[in-house]
Amino acid sequence: MLEKLRNRCLVFVGDSIGRNQWESPLCMLSSALLNKTSIYEVNVSPITKHLGILVIKFEDFNCTAEYYRSPYLVIQGHAPVQKG
């Protein structure tokens, strides 16, 4: 999978469930590498409950796995008022 991701990025957008789905391939991808120091969080943020963006870089493959927190994937609003 890392070869397929070479020079690309893998992006997940969602809530805490989406973050869990993002963390699972991170574990699998990192377990395939011997050099663990070539994997790091770009913004030096801990991978914990986090608001915002997390980006993990796989230096040897020039690829990233990115997570963008967005609990609502659609704009919430009120239904239009019906006339008549």
PDB file of N, CA and C in Angstrom:
ATOM      1  N   MET A   1       0.826  -1.195   0.000  1.00  0.00           N
ATOM      2  CA  MET A   1       0.000   0.000   0.000  1.00  0.00           C
ATOM      3  C   MET A   1       0.869   1.257   0.000  1.00  0.00           C
ATOM      4  N   LEU A   2       1.993   1.219   0.688  1.00  0.00           N
ATOM      5  CA  LEU A   2       2.886   2.380   0.697  1.00  0.00           C
ATOM      6  C   LEU A   2       3.410   2.684  -0.704  1.00  0.00           C
ATOM      7  N   GLU A   3       3.668   1.658  -1.497  1.00  0.00           N
ATOM      8  CA  GLU A   3       4.098   1.891  -2.879  1.00  0.00           C
ATOM      9  C   GLU A   3       3.003   2.590  -3.673  1.00  0.00           C
ATOM     10  N   LYS A   4       1.754   2.215  -3.458  1.00  0.00           N
ATOM     11  CA  LYS A   4       0.629   2.865  -4.142  1.00  0.00           C
ATOM     12  C   LYS A   4       0.471   4.318  -3.695  1.00  0.00           C
ATOM     13  N   LEU A   5       0.848   4.601  -2.443  1.00  0.00           N
ATOM     14  CA  LEU A   5       0.727   5.954  -1.897  1.00  0.00           C
ATOM     15  C   LEU A   5       1.951   6.831  -2.164  1.00  0.00           C
ATOM     16  N   ARG A   6       2.965   6.272  -2.771  1.00  0.00           N
ATOM     17  CA  ARG A   6       4.201   7.040  -3.007  1.00  0.00           C
ATOM     18  C   ARG A   6       3.866   8.347  -3.736  1.00  0.00           C
ATOM     19  N   ASN A   7       4.374   9.465  -3.179  1.00  0.00           N
ATOM     20  CA  ASN A   7       4.163  10.810  -3.739  1.00  0.00           C
ATOM     21  C   ASN A   7       2.691  11.238  -3.757  1.00  0.00           C
ATOM     22  N   ARG A   8       1.890  10.691  -2.859  1.00  0.00           N
ATOM     23  CA  ARG A   8       0.471  11.032  -2.792  1.00  0.00           C
ATOM     24  C   ARG A   8       0.064  11.282  -1.344  1.00  0.00           C
ATOM     25  N   CYS A   9      -1.229  11.594  -1.159  1.00  0.00           N
ATOM     26  CA  CYS A   9      -1.752  11.710   0.202  1.00  0.00           C
ATOM     27  C   CYS A   9      -3.062  10.938   0.310  1.00  0.00           C
ATOM     28  N   LEU A  10      -3.280  10.403   1.484  1.00  0.00           N
ATOM     29  CA  LEU A  10      -4.493   9.685   1.832  1.00  0.00           C
ATOM     30  C   LEU A  10      -5.232  10.562   2.834  1.00  0.00           C
ATOM     31  N   VAL A  11      -6.472  10.939   2.531  1.00  0.00           N
ATOM     32  CA  VAL A  11      -7.194  11.912   3.349  1.00  0.00           C
ATOM     33  C   VAL A  11      -8.469  11.294   3.915  1.00  0.00           C
ATOM     34  N   PHE A  12      -8.684  11.513   5.206  1.00  0.00           N
ATOM     35  CA  PHE A  12      -9.917  11.144   5.885  1.00  0.00           C
ATOM     36  C   PHE A  12     -10.539  12.415   6.442  1.00  0.00           C
ATOM     37  N   VAL A  13     -11.849  12.549   6.306  1.00  0.00           N
ATOM     38  CA  VAL A  13     -12.580  13.683   6.855  1.00  0.00           C
ATOM     39  C   VAL A  13     -13.726  13.124   7.667  1.00  0.00           C
ATOM     40  N   GLY A  14     -13.892  13.587   8.906  1.00  0.00           N
ATOM     41  CA  GLY A  14     -15.014  13.109   9.693  1.00  0.00           C
ATOM     42  C   GLY A  14     -14.883  13.409  11.171  1.00  0.00           C
ATOM     43  N   ASP A  15     -15.675  12.686  11.926  1.00  0.00           N
ATOM     44  CA  ASP A  15     -15.726  12.857  13.376  1.00  0.00           C
ATOM     45  C   ASP A  15     -14.782  11.854  14.033  1.00  0.00           C
ATOM     46  N   SER A  16     -15.062  11.517  15.288  1.00  0.00           N
ATOM     47  CA  SER A  16     -14.167  10.598  16.001  1.00  0.00           C
ATOM     48  C   SER A  16     -14.158   9.209  15.369  1.00  0.00           C
ATOM     49  N   ILE A  17     -15.231   8.796  14.763  1.00  0.00           N
ATOM     50  CA  ILE A  17     -15.248   7.499  14.071  1.00  0.00           C
ATOM     51  C   ILE A  17     -14.314   7.560  12.864  1.00  0.00           C
ATOM     52  N   GLY A  18     -14.364   8.680  12.137  1.00  0.00           N
ATOM     53  CA  GLY A  18     -13.447   8.859  11.020  1.00  0.00           C
ATOM     54  C   GLY A  18     -12.000   8.865  11.460  1.00  0.00           C
ATOM     55  N   ARG A  19     -11.731   9.454  12.630  1.00  0.00           N
ATOM     56  CA  ARG A  19     -10.363   9.461  13.152  1.00  0.00           C
ATOM     57  C   ARG A  19      -9.902   8.036  13.458  1.00  0.00           C
ATOM     58  N   ASN A  20     -10.786   7.219  14.013  1.00  0.00           N
ATOM     59  CA  ASN A  20     -10.442   5.826  14.285  1.00  0.00           C
ATOM     60  C   ASN A  20     -10.146   5.083  12.980  1.00  0.00           C
ATOM     61  N   GLN A  21     -10.923   5.366  11.945  1.00  0.00           N
ATOM     62  CA  GLN A  21     -10.689   4.724  10.645  1.00  0.00           C
ATOM     63  C   GLN A  21      -9.378   5.210  10.035  1.00  0.00           C
ATOM     64  N   TRP A  22      -8.960   6.423  10.336  1.00  0.00           N
ATOM     65  CA  TRP A  22      -7.684   6.954   9.868  1.00  0.00           C
ATOM     66  C   TRP A  22      -6.521   6.310  10.624  1.00  0.00           C
ATOM     67  N   GLU A  23      -6.695   6.102  11.923  1.00  0.00           N
ATOM     68  CA  GLU A  23      -5.622   5.534  12.746  1.00  0.00           C
ATOM     69  C   GLU A  23      -5.326   4.084  12.388  1.00  0.00           C
ATOM     70  N   SER A  24      -6.327   3.337  11.977  1.00  0.00           N
ATOM     71  CA  SER A  24      -6.133   1.923  11.649  1.00  0.00           C
ATOM     72  C   SER A  24      -5.135   1.721  10.506  1.00  0.00           C
ATOM     73  N   PRO A  25      -5.306   2.386   9.350  1.00  0.00           N
ATOM     74  CA  PRO A  25      -4.275   2.198   8.316  1.00  0.00           C
ATOM     75  C   PRO A  25      -2.915   2.762   8.712  1.00  0.00           C
ATOM     76  N   LEU A  26      -2.889   3.785   9.574  1.00  0.00           N
ATOM     77  CA  LEU A  26      -1.596   4.290  10.054  1.00  0.00           C
ATOM     78  C   LEU A  26      -0.818   3.196  10.763  1.00  0.00           C
ATOM     79  N   CYS A  27      -1.510   2.450  11.604  1.00  0.00           N
ATOM     80  CA  CYS A  27      -0.851   1.348  12.327  1.00  0.00           C
ATOM     81  C   CYS A  27      -0.333   0.297  11.358  1.00  0.00           C
ATOM     82  N   MET A  28      -1.156  -0.060  10.375  1.00  0.00           N
ATOM     83  CA  MET A  28      -0.744  -1.072   9.394  1.00  0.00           C
ATOM     84  C   MET A  28       0.436  -0.580   8.554  1.00  0.00           C
ATOM     85  N   LEU A  29       0.365   0.673   8.093  1.00  0.00           N
ATOM     86  CA  LEU A  29       1.442   1.208   7.260  1.00  0.00           C
ATOM     87  C   LEU A  29       2.743   1.334   8.045  1.00  0.00           C
ATOM     88  N   SER A  30       2.656   1.828   9.273  1.00  0.00           N
ATOM     89  CA  SER A  30       3.879   1.997  10.061  1.00  0.00           C
ATOM     90  C   SER A  30       4.497   0.663  10.453  1.00  0.00           C
ATOM     91  N   SER A  31       3.677  -0.377  10.602  1.00  0.00           N
ATOM     92  CA  SER A  31       4.230  -1.689  10.969  1.00  0.00           C
ATOM     93  C   SER A  31       5.042  -2.294   9.823  1.00  0.00           C
ATOM     94  N   ALA A  32       4.838  -1.812   8.592  1.00  0.00           N
ATOM     95  CA  ALA A  32       5.574  -2.333   7.440  1.00  0.00           C
ATOM     96  C   ALA A  32       6.964  -1.718   7.315  1.00  0.00           C
ATOM     97  N   LEU A  33       7.246  -0.672   8.096  1.00  0.00           N
ATOM     98  CA  LEU A  33       8.531   0.023   7.985  1.00  0.00           C
ATOM     99  C   LEU A  33       9.472  -0.329   9.127  1.00  0.00           C
ATOM    100  N   LEU A  34      10.714  -0.518   8.804  1.00  0.00           N
ATOM    101  CA  LEU A  34      11.721  -0.773   9.837  1.00  0.00           C
ATOM    102  C   LEU A  34      12.195   0.526  10.465  1.00  0.00           C
ATOM    103  N   ASN A  35      12.321   1.566   9.659  1.00  0.00           N
ATOM    104  CA  ASN A  35      12.819   2.856  10.138  1.00  0.00           C
ATOM    105  C   ASN A  35      11.653   3.705  10.643  1.00  0.00           C
ATOM    106  N   LYS A  36      11.311   3.576  11.913  1.00  0.00           N
ATOM    107  CA  LYS A  36      10.174   4.306  12.500  1.00  0.00           C
ATOM    108  C   LYS A  36      10.438   5.803  12.607  1.00  0.00           C
ATOM    109  N   THR A  37      11.712   6.217  12.571  1.00  0.00           N
ATOM    110  CA  THR A  37      12.009   7.648  12.672  1.00  0.00           C
ATOM    111  C   THR A  37      11.632   8.403  11.399  1.00  0.00           C
ATOM    112  N   SER A  38      11.346   7.679  10.320  1.00  0.00           N
ATOM    113  CA  SER A  38      10.954   8.345   9.073  1.00  0.00           C
ATOM    114  C   SER A  38       9.455   8.634   9.029  1.00  0.00           C
ATOM    115  N   ILE A  39       8.736   8.336  10.120  1.00  0.00           N
ATOM    116  CA  ILE A  39       7.305   8.606  10.223  1.00  0.00           C
ATOM    117  C   ILE A  39       7.119   9.655  11.318  1.00  0.00           C
ATOM    118  N   TYR A  40       6.427  10.743  10.987  1.00  0.00           N
ATOM    119  CA  TYR A  40       6.227  11.783  11.994  1.00  0.00           C
ATOM    120  C   TYR A  40       4.991  12.612  11.685  1.00  0.00           C
ATOM    121  N   GLU A  41       4.477  13.287  12.711  1.00  0.00           N
ATOM    122  CA  GLU A  41       3.341  14.197  12.569  1.00  0.00           C
ATOM    123  C   GLU A  41       3.896  15.541  12.118  1.00  0.00           C
ATOM    124  N   VAL A  42       3.426  16.020  10.999  1.00  0.00           N
ATOM    125  CA  VAL A  42       3.986  17.218  10.370  1.00  0.00           C
ATOM    126  C   VAL A  42       3.903  18.447  11.279  1.00  0.00           C
ATOM    127  N   ASN A  43       2.790  18.635  11.959  1.00  0.00           N
ATOM    128  CA  ASN A  43       2.601  19.814  12.807  1.00  0.00           C
ATOM    129  C   ASN A  43       2.999  19.587  14.259  1.00  0.00           C
ATOM    130  N   VAL A  44       3.657  18.481  14.536  1.00  0.00           N
ATOM    131  CA  VAL A  44       4.121  18.096  15.872  1.00  0.00           C
ATOM    132  C   VAL A  44       2.956  18.059  16.874  1.00  0.00           C
ATOM    133  N   SER A  45       1.789  17.642  16.409  1.00  0.00           N
ATOM    134  CA  SER A  45       0.623  17.498  17.282  1.00  0.00           C
ATOM    135  C   SER A  45       0.509  16.053  17.741  1.00  0.00           C
ATOM    136  N   PRO A  46       0.098  15.834  18.982  1.00  0.00           N
ATOM    137  CA  PRO A  46      -0.098  14.450  19.436  1.00  0.00           C
ATOM    138  C   PRO A  46      -1.340  13.853  18.773  1.00  0.00           C
ATOM    139  N   ILE A  47      -1.319  12.552  18.535  1.00  0.00           N
ATOM    140  CA  ILE A  47      -2.480  11.881  17.965  1.00  0.00           C
ATOM    141  C   ILE A  47      -3.376  11.472  19.127  1.00  0.00           C
ATOM    142  N   THR A  48      -4.157  12.404  19.580  1.00  0.00           N
ATOM    143  CA  THR A  48      -5.114  12.182  20.660  1.00  0.00           C
ATOM    144  C   THR A  48      -6.401  12.872  20.258  1.00  0.00           C
ATOM    145  N   LYS A  49      -7.330  13.031  21.195  1.00  0.00           N
ATOM    146  CA  LYS A  49      -8.524  13.799  20.876  1.00  0.00           C
ATOM    147  C   LYS A  49      -8.058  15.186  20.472  1.00  0.00           C
ATOM    148  N   HIS A  50      -8.397  15.579  19.294  1.00  0.00           N
ATOM    149  CA  HIS A  50      -7.768  16.751  18.698  1.00  0.00           C
ATOM    150  C   HIS A  50      -8.784  17.490  17.847  1.00  0.00           C
ATOM    151  N   LEU A  51      -8.751  18.788  17.912  1.00  0.00           N
ATOM    152  CA  LEU A  51      -9.574  19.601  17.031  1.00  0.00           C
ATOM    153  C   LEU A  51      -8.705  20.048  15.868  1.00  0.00           C
ATOM    154  N   GLY A  52      -9.166  19.856  14.677  1.00  0.00           N
ATOM    155  CA  GLY A  52      -8.435  20.376  13.536  1.00  0.00           C
ATOM    156  C   GLY A  52      -7.878  19.337  12.618  1.00  0.00           C
ATOM    157  N   ILE A  53      -6.579  19.434  12.376  1.00  0.00           N
ATOM    158  CA  ILE A  53      -5.924  18.664  11.324  1.00  0.00           C
ATOM    159  C   ILE A  53      -4.759  17.858  11.912  1.00  0.00           C
ATOM    160  N   LEU A  54      -4.620  16.624  11.474  1.00  0.00           N
ATOM    161  CA  LEU A  54      -3.454  15.808  11.798  1.00  0.00           C
ATOM    162  C   LEU A  54      -2.882  15.286  10.483  1.00  0.00           C
ATOM    163  N   VAL A  55      -1.585  15.408  10.311  1.00  0.00           N
ATOM    164  CA  VAL A  55      -0.930  14.964   9.081  1.00  0.00           C
ATOM    165  C   VAL A  55       0.287  14.121   9.452  1.00  0.00           C
ATOM    166  N   ILE A  56       0.272  12.860   9.058  1.00  0.00           N
ATOM    167  CA  ILE A  56       1.401  11.964   9.293  1.00  0.00           C
ATOM    168  C   ILE A  56       2.169  11.815   7.991  1.00  0.00           C
ATOM    169  N   LYS A  57       3.455  12.064   8.064  1.00  0.00           N
ATOM    170  CA  LYS A  57       4.325  11.975   6.882  1.00  0.00           C
ATOM    171  C   LYS A  57       5.127  10.684   6.935  1.00  0.00           C
ATOM    172  N   PHE A  58       5.124   9.955   5.819  1.00  0.00           N
ATOM    173  CA  PHE A  58       5.971   8.785   5.630  1.00  0.00           C
ATOM    174  C   PHE A  58       7.108   9.241   4.708  1.00  0.00           C
ATOM    175  N   GLU A  59       8.187   9.696   5.331  1.00  0.00           N
ATOM    176  CA  GLU A  59       9.286  10.358   4.630  1.00  0.00           C
ATOM    177  C   GLU A  59       9.867   9.504   3.503  1.00  0.00           C
ATOM    178  N   ASP A  60      10.088   8.226   3.747  1.00  0.00           N
ATOM    179  CA  ASP A  60      10.721   7.359   2.746  1.00  0.00           C
ATOM    180  C   ASP A  60       9.875   7.196   1.489  1.00  0.00           C
ATOM    181  N   PHE A  61       8.566   7.435   1.586  1.00  0.00           N
ATOM    182  CA  PHE A  61       7.671   7.273   0.440  1.00  0.00           C
ATOM    183  C   PHE A  61       7.087   8.600  -0.036  1.00  0.00           C
ATOM    184  N   ASN A  62       7.490   9.693   0.606  1.00  0.00           N
ATOM    185  CA  ASN A  62       6.987  11.024   0.280  1.00  0.00           C
ATOM    186  C   ASN A  62       5.454  11.031   0.198  1.00  0.00           C
ATOM    187  N   CYS A  63       4.822  10.452   1.198  1.00  0.00           N
ATOM    188  CA  CYS A  63       3.354  10.438   1.226  1.00  0.00           C
ATOM    189  C   CYS A  63       2.874  10.847   2.616  1.00  0.00           C
ATOM    190  N   THR A  64       1.625  11.296   2.659  1.00  0.00           N
ATOM    191  CA  THR A  64       1.026  11.679   3.931  1.00  0.00           C
ATOM    192  C   THR A  64      -0.312  10.987   4.106  1.00  0.00           C
ATOM    193  N   ALA A  65      -0.679  10.794   5.350  1.00  0.00           N
ATOM    194  CA  ALA A  65      -2.015  10.328   5.729  1.00  0.00           C
ATOM    195  C   ALA A  65      -2.600  11.452   6.569  1.00  0.00           C
ATOM    196  N   GLU A  66      -3.678  12.059   6.076  1.00  0.00           N
ATOM    197  CA  GLU A  66      -4.206  13.271   6.688  1.00  0.00           C
ATOM    198  C   GLU A  66      -5.601  13.042   7.241  1.00  0.00           C
ATOM    199  N   TYR A  67      -5.863  13.681   8.376  1.00  0.00           N
ATOM    200  CA  TYR A  67      -7.190  13.616   9.002  1.00  0.00           C
ATOM    201  C   TYR A  67      -7.666  15.035   9.256  1.00  0.00           C
ATOM    202  N   TYR A  68      -8.849  15.342   8.755  1.00  0.00           N
ATOM    203  CA  TYR A  68      -9.470  16.645   8.959  1.00  0.00           C
ATOM    204  C   TYR A  68     -10.748  16.437   9.751  1.00  0.00           C
ATOM    205  N   ARG A  69     -10.823  17.048  10.922  1.00  0.00           N
ATOM    206  CA  ARG A  69     -11.996  16.888  11.775  1.00  0.00           C
ATOM    207  C   ARG A  69     -13.133  17.744  11.241  1.00  0.00           C
ATOM    208  N   SER A  70     -14.249  17.081  10.981  1.00  0.00           N
ATOM    209  CA  SER A  70     -15.447  17.764  10.525  1.00  0.00           C
ATOM    210  C   SER A  70     -16.645  16.925  10.964  1.00  0.00           C
ATOM    211  N   PRO A  71     -17.188  17.189  12.165  1.00  0.00           N
ATOM    212  CA  PRO A  71     -18.281  16.355  12.655  1.00  0.00           C
ATOM    213  C   PRO A  71     -19.546  16.473  11.818  1.00  0.00           C
ATOM    214  N   TYR A  72     -19.699  17.565  11.084  1.00  0.00           N
ATOM    215  CA  TYR A  72     -20.870  17.738  10.235  1.00  0.00           C
ATOM    216  C   TYR A  72     -20.394  17.907   8.800  1.00  0.00           C
ATOM    217  N   LEU A  73     -20.710  16.935   7.962  1.00  0.00           N
ATOM    218  CA  LEU A  73     -20.238  16.980   6.584  1.00  0.00           C
ATOM    219  C   LEU A  73     -21.138  17.819   5.688  1.00  0.00           C
ATOM    220  N   VAL A  74     -22.276  18.256   6.211  1.00  0.00           N
ATOM    221  CA  VAL A  74     -23.175  19.126   5.460  1.00  0.00           C
ATOM    222  C   VAL A  74     -23.447  20.365   6.302  1.00  0.00           C
ATOM    223  N   ILE A  75     -23.826  21.452   5.659  1.00  0.00           N
ATOM    224  CA  ILE A  75     -24.149  22.679   6.378  1.00  0.00           C
ATOM    225  C   ILE A  75     -25.513  22.507   7.030  1.00  0.00           C
ATOM    226  N   GLN A  76     -25.563  22.760   8.318  1.00  0.00           N
ATOM    227  CA  GLN A  76     -26.834  22.658   9.027  1.00  0.00           C
ATOM    228  C   GLN A  76     -27.592  23.966   8.889  1.00  0.00           C
ATOM    229  N   GLY A  77     -28.876  23.860   8.740  1.00  0.00           N
ATOM    230  CA  GLY A  77     -29.681  25.057   8.632  1.00  0.00           C
ATOM    231  C   GLY A  77     -31.147  24.691   8.835  1.00  0.00           C
ATOM    232  N   HIS A  78     -31.989  25.687   8.712  1.00  0.00           N
ATOM    233  CA  HIS A  78     -33.417  25.478   8.867  1.00  0.00           C
ATOM    234  C   HIS A  78     -34.057  25.285   7.514  1.00  0.00           C
ATOM    235  N   ALA A  79     -35.121  24.503   7.494  1.00  0.00           N
ATOM    236  CA  ALA A  79     -35.879  24.311   6.252  1.00  0.00           C
ATOM    237  C   ALA A  79     -36.516  25.633   5.852  1.00  0.00           C
ATOM    238  N   PRO A  80     -36.610  25.911   4.549  1.00  0.00           N
ATOM    239  CA  PRO A  80     -37.238  27.169   4.132  1.00  0.00           C
ATOM    240  C   PRO A  80     -38.704  27.225   4.549  1.00  0.00           C
ATOM    241  N   VAL A  81     -39.152  28.413   4.868  1.00  0.00           N
ATOM    242  CA  VAL A  81     -40.551  28.626   5.265  1.00  0.00           C
ATOM    243  C   VAL A  81     -41.416  28.497   4.015  1.00  0.00           C
ATOM    244  N   GLN A  82     -42.438  27.659   4.134  1.00  0.00           N
ATOM    245  CA  GLN A  82     -43.352  27.478   3.000  1.00  0.00           C
ATOM    246  C   GLN A  82     -44.466  28.505   3.088  1.00  0.00           C
ATOM    247  N   LYS A  83     -44.732  29.160   1.993  1.00  0.00           N
ATOM    248  CA  LYS A  83     -45.794  30.171   1.931  1.00  0.00           C
ATOM    249  C   LYS A  83     -47.069  29.536   1.395  1.00  0.00           C
ATOM    250  N   GLY A  84     -48.185  29.968   1.953  1.00  0.00           N
ATOM    251  CA  GLY A  84     -49.466  29.546   1.420  1.00  0.00           C
ATOM    252  C   GLY A  84     -50.102  28.552   2.230  1.00  0.00           C
TER     253      GLY A  84
END
